[in-house]
PDB file of N, CA and C in Angstrom:
ATOM      1  N   MET A   1     200.654  45.421-110.452  1.00  0.00           N
ATOM      2  CA  MET A   1     199.399  45.680-109.757  1.00  0.00           C
ATOM      3  C   MET A   1     199.686  45.862-108.264  1.00  0.00           C
ATOM      4  N   THR A   2     199.125  46.893-107.665  1.00  0.00           N
ATOM      5  CA  THR A   2     199.366  47.142-106.253  1.00  0.00           C
ATOM      6  C   THR A   2     198.478  46.252-105.389  1.00  0.00           C
ATOM      7  N   ASP A   3     198.972  45.985-104.178  1.00  0.00           N
ATOM      8  CA  ASP A   3     198.192  45.189-103.226  1.00  0.00           C
ATOM      9  C   ASP A   3     196.945  45.931-102.784  1.00  0.00           C
ATOM     10  N   LYS A   4     195.943  45.200-102.428  1.00  0.00           N
ATOM     11  CA  LYS A   4     194.795  45.787-101.755  1.00  0.00           C
ATOM     12  C   LYS A   4     195.279  46.275-100.399  1.00  0.00           C
ATOM     13  N   SER A   5     194.649  47.294 -99.858  1.00  0.00           N
ATOM     14  CA  SER A   5     195.127  47.862 -98.590  1.00  0.00           C
ATOM     15  C   SER A   5     195.057  46.859 -97.445  1.00  0.00           C
ATOM     16  N   TRP A   6     194.100  45.934 -97.451  1.00  0.00           N
ATOM     17  CA  TRP A   6     194.024  44.956 -96.365  1.00  0.00           C
ATOM     18  C   TRP A   6     195.192  43.981 -96.425  1.00  0.00           C
ATOM     19  N   LYS A   7     195.662  43.655 -97.624  1.00  0.00           N
ATOM     20  CA  LYS A   7     196.834  42.782 -97.752  1.00  0.00           C
ATOM     21  C   LYS A   7     198.074  43.492 -97.233  1.00  0.00           C
ATOM     22  N   ALA A   8     198.217  44.760 -97.585  1.00  0.00           N
ATOM     23  CA  ALA A   8     199.356  45.545 -97.118  1.00  0.00           C
ATOM     24  C   ALA A   8     199.323  45.661 -95.597  1.00  0.00           C
ATOM     25  N   THR A   9     198.134  45.821 -95.025  1.00  0.00           N
ATOM     26  CA  THR A   9     197.994  45.892 -93.572  1.00  0.00           C
ATOM     27  C   THR A   9     198.408  44.573 -92.931  1.00  0.00           C
ATOM     28  N   GLU A  10     197.959  43.457 -93.481  1.00  0.00           N
ATOM     29  CA  GLU A  10     198.355  42.149 -92.950  1.00  0.00           C
ATOM     30  C   GLU A  10     199.869  41.968 -93.015  1.00  0.00           C
ATOM     31  N   ARG A  11     200.474  42.376 -94.118  1.00  0.00           N
ATOM     32  CA  ARG A  11     201.935  42.279 -94.263  1.00  0.00           C
ATOM     33  C   ARG A  11     202.660  43.121 -93.218  1.00  0.00           C
ATOM     34  N   ALA A  12     202.197  44.350 -93.018  1.00  0.00           N
ATOM     35  CA  ALA A  12     202.823  45.262 -92.052  1.00  0.00           C
ATOM     36  C   ALA A  12     202.740  44.693 -90.633  1.00  0.00           C
ATOM     37  N   VAL A  13     201.583  44.157 -90.261  1.00  0.00           N
ATOM     38  CA  VAL A  13     201.417  43.566 -88.932  1.00  0.00           C
ATOM     39  C   VAL A  13     202.311  42.332 -88.799  1.00  0.00           C
ATOM     40  N   ALA A  14     202.373  41.513 -89.827  1.00  0.00           N
ATOM     41  CA  ALA A  14     203.244  40.332 -89.799  1.00  0.00           C
ATOM     42  C   ALA A  14     204.696  40.748 -89.578  1.00  0.00           C
ATOM     43  N   ASN A  15     205.130  41.779 -90.275  1.00  0.00           N
ATOM     44  CA  ASN A  15     206.506  42.248 -90.116  1.00  0.00           C
ATOM     45  C   ASN A  15     206.765  42.770 -88.705  1.00  0.00           C
ATOM     46  N   LEU A  16     205.828  43.507 -88.157  1.00  0.00           N
ATOM     47  CA  LEU A  16     205.985  44.042 -86.802  1.00  0.00           C
ATOM     48  C   LEU A  16     206.081  42.950 -85.751  1.00  0.00           C
ATOM     49  N   LEU A  17     205.354  41.859 -85.970  1.00  0.00           N
ATOM     50  CA  LEU A  17     205.271  40.802 -84.959  1.00  0.00           C
ATOM     51  C   LEU A  17     206.134  39.579 -85.276  1.00  0.00           C
ATOM     52  N   GLY A  18     206.892  39.642 -86.353  1.00  0.00           N
ATOM     53  CA  GLY A  18     207.770  38.520 -86.679  1.00  0.00           C
ATOM     54  C   GLY A  18     207.047  37.307 -87.221  1.00  0.00           C
ATOM     55  N   GLY A  19     205.929  37.531 -87.873  1.00  0.00           N
ATOM     56  CA  GLY A  19     205.174  36.431 -88.471  1.00  0.00           C
ATOM     57  C   GLY A  19     205.238  36.492 -89.984  1.00  0.00           C
ATOM     58  N   ARG A  20     204.386  35.682 -90.617  1.00  0.00           N
ATOM     59  CA  ARG A  20     204.328  35.639 -92.073  1.00  0.00           C
ATOM     60  C   ARG A  20     202.868  35.605 -92.498  1.00  0.00           C
ATOM     61  N   ARG A  21     202.513  36.499 -93.414  1.00  0.00           N
ATOM     62  CA  ARG A  21     201.143  36.558 -93.911  1.00  0.00           C
ATOM     63  C   ARG A  21     200.795  35.262 -94.630  1.00  0.00           C
ATOM     64  N   VAL A  22     199.611  34.728 -94.327  1.00  0.00           N
ATOM     65  CA  VAL A  22     199.117  33.526 -94.987  1.00  0.00           C
ATOM     66  C   VAL A  22     198.138  33.982 -96.064  1.00  0.00           C
ATOM     67  N   PRO A  23     198.439  33.745 -97.340  1.00  0.00           N
ATOM     68  CA  PRO A  23     197.523  34.168 -98.404  1.00  0.00           C
ATOM     69  C   PRO A  23     196.145  33.526 -98.239  1.00  0.00           C
ATOM     70  N   VAL A  24     195.112  34.230 -98.641  1.00  0.00           N
ATOM     71  CA  VAL A  24     193.748  33.725 -98.530  1.00  0.00           C
ATOM     72  C   VAL A  24     193.616  32.377 -99.226  1.00  0.00           C
ATOM     73  N   SER A  25     194.310  32.198-100.339  1.00  0.00           N
ATOM     74  CA  SER A  25     194.232  30.930-101.068  1.00  0.00           C
ATOM     75  C   SER A  25     194.832  29.781-100.264  1.00  0.00           C
ATOM     76  N   GLY A  26     195.595  30.082 -99.233  1.00  0.00           N
ATOM     77  CA  GLY A  26     196.239  29.050 -98.433  1.00  0.00           C
ATOM     78  C   GLY A  26     195.464  28.647 -97.199  1.00  0.00           C
ATOM     79  N   ARG A  27     194.230  29.144 -97.067  1.00  0.00           N
ATOM     80  CA  ARG A  27     193.466  28.826 -95.870  1.00  0.00           C
ATOM     81  C   ARG A  27     191.974  28.932 -96.123  1.00  0.00           C
ATOM     82  N   GLY A  28     191.230  28.237 -95.308  1.00  0.00           N
ATOM     83  CA  GLY A  28     189.778  28.350 -95.324  1.00  0.00           C
ATOM     84  C   GLY A  28     189.332  29.172 -94.133  1.00  0.00           C
ATOM     85  N   ARG A  29     188.077  29.607 -94.116  1.00  0.00           N
ATOM     86  CA  ARG A  29     187.571  30.418 -93.006  1.00  0.00           C
ATOM     87  C   ARG A  29     187.695  29.634 -91.706  1.00  0.00           C
ATOM     88  N   GLY A  30     188.418  30.219 -90.742  1.00  0.00           N
ATOM     89  CA  GLY A  30     188.600  29.565 -89.451  1.00  0.00           C
ATOM     90  C   GLY A  30     189.638  28.470 -89.454  1.00  0.00           C
ATOM     91  N   ASP A  31     190.207  28.177 -90.606  1.00  0.00           N
ATOM     92  CA  ASP A  31     191.191  27.103 -90.730  1.00  0.00           C
ATOM     93  C   ASP A  31     192.570  27.531 -90.236  1.00  0.00           C
ATOM     94  N   ALA A  32     192.945  28.772 -90.500  1.00  0.00           N
ATOM     95  CA  ALA A  32     194.251  29.304 -90.111  1.00  0.00           C
ATOM     96  C   ALA A  32     194.112  30.812 -89.929  1.00  0.00           C
ATOM     97  N   PRO A  33     194.946  31.402 -89.072  1.00  0.00           N
ATOM     98  CA  PRO A  33     194.883  32.853 -88.898  1.00  0.00           C
ATOM     99  C   PRO A  33     195.439  33.588 -90.116  1.00  0.00           C
ATOM    100  N   ASP A  34     195.271  34.908 -90.132  1.00  0.00           N
ATOM    101  CA  ASP A  34     195.791  35.727 -91.227  1.00  0.00           C
ATOM    102  C   ASP A  34     197.310  35.709 -91.269  1.00  0.00           C
ATOM    103  N   ILE A  35     197.930  35.545 -90.095  1.00  0.00           N
ATOM    104  CA  ILE A  35     199.388  35.589 -89.992  1.00  0.00           C
ATOM    105  C   ILE A  35     199.884  34.353 -89.264  1.00  0.00           C
ATOM    106  N   ALA A  36     200.819  33.645 -89.883  1.00  0.00           N
ATOM    107  CA  ALA A  36     201.443  32.492 -89.234  1.00  0.00           C
ATOM    108  C   ALA A  36     202.475  33.016 -88.241  1.00  0.00           C
ATOM    109  N   HIS A  37     202.424  32.496 -87.026  1.00  0.00           N
ATOM    110  CA  HIS A  37     203.311  32.956 -85.964  1.00  0.00           C
ATOM    111  C   HIS A  37     203.530  31.806 -84.994  1.00  0.00           C
ATOM    112  N   ASP A  38     204.682  31.814 -84.314  1.00  0.00           N
ATOM    113  CA  ASP A  38     205.009  30.727 -83.392  1.00  0.00           C
ATOM    114  C   ASP A  38     204.072  30.627 -82.192  1.00  0.00           C
ATOM    115  N   TRP A  39     203.671  31.762 -81.615  1.00  0.00           N
ATOM    116  CA  TRP A  39     202.860  31.677 -80.398  1.00  0.00           C
ATOM    117  C   TRP A  39     201.608  32.545 -80.401  1.00  0.00           C
ATOM    118  N   LEU A  40     201.346  33.248 -81.489  1.00  0.00           N
ATOM    119  CA  LEU A  40     200.140  34.059 -81.589  1.00  0.00           C
ATOM    120  C   LEU A  40     199.250  33.560 -82.733  1.00  0.00           C
ATOM    121  N   ALA A  41     197.943  33.636 -82.544  1.00  0.00           N
ATOM    122  CA  ALA A  41     196.980  33.385 -83.626  1.00  0.00           C
ATOM    123  C   ALA A  41     196.447  34.761 -84.009  1.00  0.00           C
ATOM    124  N   ILE A  42     196.962  35.335 -85.081  1.00  0.00           N
ATOM    125  CA  ILE A  42     196.711  36.734 -85.420  1.00  0.00           C
ATOM    126  C   ILE A  42     195.683  36.856 -86.532  1.00  0.00           C
ATOM    127  N   GLU A  43     194.582  37.473 -86.202  1.00  0.00           N
ATOM    128  CA  GLU A  43     193.531  37.796 -87.169  1.00  0.00           C
ATOM    129  C   GLU A  43     193.539  39.310 -87.317  1.00  0.00           C
ATOM    130  N   VAL A  44     193.662  39.815 -88.538  1.00  0.00           N
ATOM    131  CA  VAL A  44     193.745  41.253 -88.783  1.00  0.00           C
ATOM    132  C   VAL A  44     192.463  41.727 -89.442  1.00  0.00           C
ATOM    133  N   LYS A  45     191.883  42.791 -88.899  1.00  0.00           N
ATOM    134  CA  LYS A  45     190.694  43.403 -89.494  1.00  0.00           C
ATOM    135  C   LYS A  45     191.062  44.827 -89.887  1.00  0.00           C
ATOM    136  N   HIS A  46     190.902  45.146 -91.148  1.00  0.00           N
ATOM    137  CA  HIS A  46     191.236  46.460 -91.686  1.00  0.00           C
ATOM    138  C   HIS A  46     189.939  47.178 -92.040  1.00  0.00           C
ATOM    139  N   ARG A  47     189.746  48.343 -91.478  1.00  0.00           N
ATOM    140  CA  ARG A  47     188.542  49.130 -91.752  1.00  0.00           C
ATOM    141  C   ARG A  47     188.937  50.557 -92.085  1.00  0.00           C
ATOM    142  N   LYS A  48     188.111  51.222 -92.852  1.00  0.00           N
ATOM    143  CA  LYS A  48     188.370  52.624 -93.179  1.00  0.00           C
ATOM    144  C   LYS A  48     188.403  53.456 -91.899  1.00  0.00           C
ATOM    145  N   ARG A  49     187.487  53.188 -90.986  1.00  0.00           N
ATOM    146  CA  ARG A  49     187.444  53.895 -89.699  1.00  0.00           C
ATOM    147  C   ARG A  49     187.025  52.929 -88.610  1.00  0.00           C
ATOM    148  N   LEU A  50     187.635  53.090 -87.457  1.00  0.00           N
ATOM    149  CA  LEU A  50     187.199  52.356 -86.272  1.00  0.00           C
ATOM    150  C   LEU A  50     186.197  53.235 -85.526  1.00  0.00           C
ATOM    151  N   PRO A  51     185.313  52.626 -84.740  1.00  0.00           N
ATOM    152  CA  PRO A  51     184.322  53.421 -84.013  1.00  0.00           C
ATOM    153  C   PRO A  51     184.989  54.438 -83.080  1.00  0.00           C
ATOM    154  N   LYS A  52     184.421  55.643 -83.051  1.00  0.00           N
ATOM    155  CA  LYS A  52     184.971  56.723 -82.234  1.00  0.00           C
ATOM    156  C   LYS A  52     185.039  56.328 -80.762  1.00  0.00           C
ATOM    157  N   TRP A  53     184.004  55.663 -80.260  1.00  0.00           N
ATOM    158  CA  TRP A  53     183.974  55.296 -78.843  1.00  0.00           C
ATOM    159  C   TRP A  53     185.099  54.329 -78.487  1.00  0.00           C
ATOM    160  N   LEU A  54     185.495  53.494 -79.452  1.00  0.00           N
ATOM    161  CA  LEU A  54     186.582  52.543 -79.219  1.00  0.00           C
ATOM    162  C   LEU A  54     187.916  53.289 -79.105  1.00  0.00           C
ATOM    163  N   ARG A  55     188.142  54.218 -80.002  1.00  0.00           N
ATOM    164  CA  ARG A  55     189.357  55.051 -79.941  1.00  0.00           C
ATOM    165  C   ARG A  55     189.394  55.873 -78.652  1.00  0.00           C
ATOM    166  N   GLU A  56     188.235  56.414 -78.262  1.00  0.00           N
ATOM    167  CA  GLU A  56     188.175  57.208 -77.028  1.00  0.00           C
ATOM    168  C   GLU A  56     188.485  56.352 -75.799  1.00  0.00           C
ATOM    169  N   ALA A  57     188.007  55.120 -75.787  1.00  0.00           N
ATOM    170  CA  ALA A  57     188.307  54.215 -74.676  1.00  0.00           C
ATOM    171  C   ALA A  57     189.810  53.970 -74.577  1.00  0.00           C
ATOM    172  N   MET A  58     190.467  53.777 -75.737  1.00  0.00           N
ATOM    173  CA  MET A  58     191.916  53.561 -75.730  1.00  0.00           C
ATOM    174  C   MET A  58     192.639  54.810 -75.245  1.00  0.00           C
ATOM    175  N   CYS A  59     192.175  55.984 -75.645  1.00  0.00           N
ATOM    176  CA  CYS A  59     192.775  57.244 -75.183  1.00  0.00           C
ATOM    177  C   CYS A  59     192.659  57.367 -73.664  1.00  0.00           C
ATOM    178  N   GLN A  60     191.512  56.976 -73.104  1.00  0.00           N
ATOM    179  CA  GLN A  60     191.330  57.023 -71.656  1.00  0.00           C
ATOM    180  C   GLN A  60     192.318  56.095 -70.959  1.00  0.00           C
ATOM    181  N   ALA A  61     192.476  54.889 -71.477  1.00  0.00           N
ATOM    182  CA  ALA A  61     193.411  53.930 -70.874  1.00  0.00           C
ATOM    183  C   ALA A  61     194.843  54.457 -70.941  1.00  0.00           C
ATOM    184  N   LYS A  62     195.226  55.016 -72.086  1.00  0.00           N
ATOM    185  CA  LYS A  62     196.579  55.569 -72.245  1.00  0.00           C
ATOM    186  C   LYS A  62     196.809  56.748 -71.312  1.00  0.00           C
ATOM    187  N   ALA A  63     195.809  57.622 -71.177  1.00  0.00           N
ATOM    188  CA  ALA A  63     195.952  58.806 -70.336  1.00  0.00           C
ATOM    189  C   ALA A  63     196.177  58.439 -68.874  1.00  0.00           C
ATOM    190  N   SER A  64     195.622  57.325 -68.437  1.00  0.00           N
ATOM    191  CA  SER A  64     195.748  56.945 -67.030  1.00  0.00           C
ATOM    192  C   SER A  64     196.840  55.907 -66.773  1.00  0.00           C
ATOM    193  N   SER A  65     197.568  55.506 -67.804  1.00  0.00           N
ATOM    194  CA  SER A  65     198.535  54.412 -67.639  1.00  0.00           C
ATOM    195  C   SER A  65     199.878  54.847 -67.077  1.00  0.00           C
ATOM    196  N   GLY A  66     200.251  56.101 -67.280  1.00  0.00           N
ATOM    197  CA  GLY A  66     201.584  56.523 -66.836  1.00  0.00           C
ATOM    198  C   GLY A  66     202.651  55.779 -67.622  1.00  0.00           C
ATOM    199  N   LEU A  67     203.840  55.682 -67.046  1.00  0.00           N
ATOM    200  CA  LEU A  67     204.944  55.017 -67.738  1.00  0.00           C
ATOM    201  C   LEU A  67     205.111  53.549 -67.341  1.00  0.00           C
ATOM    202  N   SER A  68     204.432  53.131 -66.284  1.00  0.00           N
ATOM    203  CA  SER A  68     204.704  51.791 -65.764  1.00  0.00           C
ATOM    204  C   SER A  68     203.561  50.797 -65.928  1.00  0.00           C
ATOM    205  N   ARG A  69     202.466  51.205 -66.563  1.00  0.00           N
ATOM    206  CA  ARG A  69     201.332  50.290 -66.728  1.00  0.00           C
ATOM    207  C   ARG A  69     200.943  50.167 -68.193  1.00  0.00           C
ATOM    208  N   LEU A  70     200.542  48.986 -68.586  1.00  0.00           N
ATOM    209  CA  LEU A  70     200.118  48.698 -69.954  1.00  0.00           C
ATOM    210  C   LEU A  70     198.652  49.109 -70.127  1.00  0.00           C
ATOM    211  N   PRO A  71     198.368  50.067 -71.028  1.00  0.00           N
ATOM    212  CA  PRO A  71     196.976  50.480 -71.231  1.00  0.00           C
ATOM    213  C   PRO A  71     196.202  49.459 -72.061  1.00  0.00           C
ATOM    214  N   ILE A  72     195.092  48.982 -71.515  1.00  0.00           N
ATOM    215  CA  ILE A  72     194.217  48.046 -72.220  1.00  0.00           C
ATOM    216  C   ILE A  72     192.780  48.518 -72.095  1.00  0.00           C
ATOM    217  N   VAL A  73     191.941  48.045 -72.994  1.00  0.00           N
ATOM    218  CA  VAL A  73     190.502  48.265 -72.930  1.00  0.00           C
ATOM    219  C   VAL A  73     189.862  46.881 -72.902  1.00  0.00           C
ATOM    220  N   VAL A  74     188.956  46.659 -71.971  1.00  0.00           N
ATOM    221  CA  VAL A  74     188.215  45.398 -71.894  1.00  0.00           C
ATOM    222  C   VAL A  74     186.816  45.653 -72.437  1.00  0.00           C
ATOM    223  N   LEU A  75     186.426  44.859 -73.423  1.00  0.00           N
ATOM    224  CA  LEU A  75     185.117  44.995 -74.065  1.00  0.00           C
ATOM    225  C   LEU A  75     184.212  43.866 -73.575  1.00  0.00           C
ATOM    226  N   HIS A  76     183.116  44.249 -72.957  1.00  0.00           N
ATOM    227  CA  HIS A  76     182.192  43.275 -72.374  1.00  0.00           C
ATOM    228  C   HIS A  76     180.809  43.426 -72.995  1.00  0.00           C
ATOM    229  N   GLU A  77     180.216  42.310 -73.376  1.00  0.00           N
ATOM    230  CA  GLU A  77     178.851  42.299 -73.908  1.00  0.00           C
ATOM    231  C   GLU A  77     177.889  41.951 -72.780  1.00  0.00           C
ATOM    232  N   ALA A  78     176.882  42.790 -72.588  1.00  0.00           N
ATOM    233  CA  ALA A  78     175.912  42.590 -71.510  1.00  0.00           C
ATOM    234  C   ALA A  78     175.362  41.173 -71.523  1.00  0.00           C
ATOM    235  N   GLY A  79     175.304  40.568 -70.360  1.00  0.00           N
ATOM    236  CA  GLY A  79     174.736  39.233 -70.222  1.00  0.00           C
ATOM    237  C   GLY A  79     175.701  38.096 -70.533  1.00  0.00           C
ATOM    238  N   GLN A  80     176.907  38.419 -70.956  1.00  0.00           N
ATOM    239  CA  GLN A  80     177.870  37.377 -71.320  1.00  0.00           C
ATOM    240  C   GLN A  80     178.869  37.151 -70.183  1.00  0.00           C
ATOM    241  N   ARG A  81     179.498  36.001 -70.194  1.00  0.00           N
ATOM    242  CA  ARG A  81     180.514  35.671 -69.184  1.00  0.00           C
ATOM    243  C   ARG A  81     181.749  36.542 -69.393  1.00  0.00           C
ATOM    244  N   HIS A  82     182.388  36.918 -68.309  1.00  0.00           N
ATOM    245  CA  HIS A  82     183.563  37.782 -68.410  1.00  0.00           C
ATOM    246  C   HIS A  82     184.770  37.078 -69.020  1.00  0.00           C
ATOM    247  N   ASP A  83     184.816  35.755 -68.950  1.00  0.00           N
ATOM    248  CA  ASP A  83     185.964  35.076 -69.572  1.00  0.00           C
ATOM    249  C   ASP A  83     185.895  35.113 -71.098  1.00  0.00           C
ATOM    250  N   GLU A  84     184.808  35.631 -71.649  1.00  0.00           N
ATOM    251  CA  GLU A  84     184.683  35.831 -73.089  1.00  0.00           C
ATOM    252  C   GLU A  84     184.875  37.295 -73.490  1.00  0.00           C
ATOM    253  N   ASP A  85     185.141  38.178 -72.510  1.00  0.00           N
ATOM    254  CA  ASP A  85     185.395  39.585 -72.818  1.00  0.00           C
ATOM    255  C   ASP A  85     186.612  39.694 -73.724  1.00  0.00           C
ATOM    256  N   LEU A  86     186.684  40.760 -74.479  1.00  0.00           N
ATOM    257  CA  LEU A  86     187.802  41.001 -75.385  1.00  0.00           C
ATOM    258  C   LEU A  86     188.742  42.030 -74.767  1.00  0.00           C
ATOM    259  N   VAL A  87     190.039  41.837 -74.987  1.00  0.00           N
ATOM    260  CA  VAL A  87     191.040  42.780 -74.499  1.00  0.00           C
ATOM    261  C   VAL A  87     191.678  43.449 -75.705  1.00  0.00           C
ATOM    262  N   MET A  88     191.679  44.769 -75.703  1.00  0.00           N
ATOM    263  CA  MET A  88     192.269  45.531 -76.797  1.00  0.00           C
ATOM    264  C   MET A  88     193.449  46.325 -76.254  1.00  0.00           C
ATOM    265  N   LEU A  89     194.518  46.357 -77.023  1.00  0.00           N
ATOM    266  CA  LEU A  89     195.646  47.219 -76.714  1.00  0.00           C
ATOM    267  C   LEU A  89     196.265  47.684 -78.012  1.00  0.00           C
ATOM    268  N   ALA A  90     196.993  48.785 -77.943  1.00  0.00           N
ATOM    269  CA  ALA A  90     197.635  49.321 -79.140  1.00  0.00           C
ATOM    270  C   ALA A  90     198.792  48.400 -79.540  1.00  0.00           C
ATOM    271  N   LEU A  91     198.944  48.179 -80.844  1.00  0.00           N
ATOM    272  CA  LEU A  91     199.995  47.296 -81.337  1.00  0.00           C
ATOM    273  C   LEU A  91     201.379  47.788 -80.907  1.00  0.00           C
ATOM    274  N   GLY A  92     201.596  49.101 -80.947  1.00  0.00           N
ATOM    275  CA  GLY A  92     202.876  49.654 -80.508  1.00  0.00           C
ATOM    276  C   GLY A  92     203.153  49.349 -79.042  1.00  0.00           C
ATOM    277  N   ASP A  93     202.121  49.409 -78.201  1.00  0.00           N
ATOM    278  CA  ASP A  93     202.281  49.077 -76.785  1.00  0.00           C
ATOM    279  C   ASP A  93     202.582  47.589 -76.612  1.00  0.00           C
ATOM    280  N   PHE A  94     201.917  46.761 -77.393  1.00  0.00           N
ATOM    281  CA  PHE A  94     202.176  45.321 -77.343  1.00  0.00           C
ATOM    282  C   PHE A  94     203.648  45.039 -77.638  1.00  0.00           C
ATOM    283  N   VAL A  95     204.158  45.629 -78.724  1.00  0.00           N
ATOM    284  CA  VAL A  95     205.562  45.424 -79.116  1.00  0.00           C
ATOM    285  C   VAL A  95     206.501  45.983 -78.052  1.00  0.00           C
ATOM    286  N   ASP A  96     206.188  47.169 -77.507  1.00  0.00           N
ATOM    287  CA  ASP A  96     207.023  47.754 -76.459  1.00  0.00           C
ATOM    288  C   ASP A  96     207.100  46.857 -75.231  1.00  0.00           C
ATOM    289  N   TRP A  97     205.989  46.268 -74.835  1.00  0.00           N
ATOM    290  CA  TRP A  97     205.949  45.455 -73.614  1.00  0.00           C
ATOM    291  C   TRP A  97     206.479  44.039 -73.823  1.00  0.00           C
ATOM    292  N   PHE A  98     206.188  43.442 -74.965  1.00  0.00           N
ATOM    293  CA  PHE A  98     206.525  42.037 -75.159  1.00  0.00           C
ATOM    294  C   PHE A  98     207.709  41.828 -76.097  1.00  0.00           C
ATOM    295  N   GLY A  99     208.198  42.912 -76.679  1.00  0.00           N
ATOM    296  CA  GLY A  99     209.360  42.831 -77.541  1.00  0.00           C
ATOM    297  C   GLY A  99     209.015  42.552 -78.985  1.00  0.00           C
ATOM    298  N   GLN A 100     209.899  42.989 -79.853  1.00  0.00           N
ATOM    299  CA  GLN A 100     209.733  42.735 -81.283  1.00  0.00           C
ATOM    300  C   GLN A 100     210.622  41.548 -81.629  1.00  0.00           C
ATOM    301  N   PRO A 101     210.036  40.433 -82.034  1.00  0.00           N
ATOM    302  CA  PRO A 101     210.828  39.261 -82.369  1.00  0.00           C
ATOM    303  C   PRO A 101     211.710  39.512 -83.586  1.00  0.00           C
ATOM    304  N   ASP A 102     212.693  38.657 -83.782  1.00  0.00           N
ATOM    305  CA  ASP A 102     213.495  38.746 -84.996  1.00  0.00           C
ATOM    306  C   ASP A 102     212.559  38.634 -86.184  1.00  0.00           C
ATOM    307  N   ILE A 103     212.770  39.497 -87.143  1.00  0.00           N
ATOM    308  CA  ILE A 103     211.876  39.534 -88.311  1.00  0.00           C
ATOM    309  C   ILE A 103     212.487  38.761 -89.463  1.00  0.00           C
ATOM    310  N   GLY A 104     211.734  37.790 -89.963  1.00  0.00           N
ATOM    311  CA  GLY A 104     212.192  37.029 -91.118  1.00  0.00           C
ATOM    312  C   GLY A 104     211.656  37.643 -92.391  1.00  0.00           C
ATOM    313  N   ASP A 105     211.983  37.054 -93.514  1.00  0.00           N
ATOM    314  CA  ASP A 105     211.493  37.556 -94.808  1.00  0.00           C
ATOM    315  C   ASP A 105     210.040  37.180 -94.977  1.00  0.00           C
ATOM    316  N   ASP A 106     209.257  38.097 -95.503  1.00  0.00           N
ATOM    317  CA  ASP A 106     207.859  37.843 -95.837  1.00  0.00           C
ATOM    318  C   ASP A 106     207.850  37.273 -97.251  1.00  0.00           C
ATOM    319  N   GLU A 107     207.430  36.030 -97.403  1.00  0.00           N
ATOM    320  CA  GLU A 107     207.573  35.325 -98.670  1.00  0.00           C
ATOM    321  C   GLU A 107     206.421  35.489 -99.632  1.00  0.00           C
ATOM    322  N   ASP A 108     205.344  36.153 -99.257  1.00  0.00           N
ATOM    323  CA  ASP A 108     204.232  36.237-100.213  1.00  0.00           C
ATOM    324  C   ASP A 108     204.262  37.534-100.859  1.00  0.00           C
TER     325      ASP A 108
END
């Protein structure tokens, strides 16, 4: 039986970041992240499509970043404190800037 696409996505992200996928049966909601990692709490959301405006925002950040700046998008909800804003960056950029850790075996 093949994996569901969200499981395959979690596995791929775990491999890229040097973590290990935590099976749903091994955690409760909010109890543990999707991927066990030494210094990151990784929650993976897999969707058929991401909103167009979100992709366009990332394209704008990338277009203006040049070679020496990390492109990020800051998402702010009106009326909320800025310390709760969300920061989005491309996974490939994250790995390029912070390095790809040694990858262990994915045991699930």
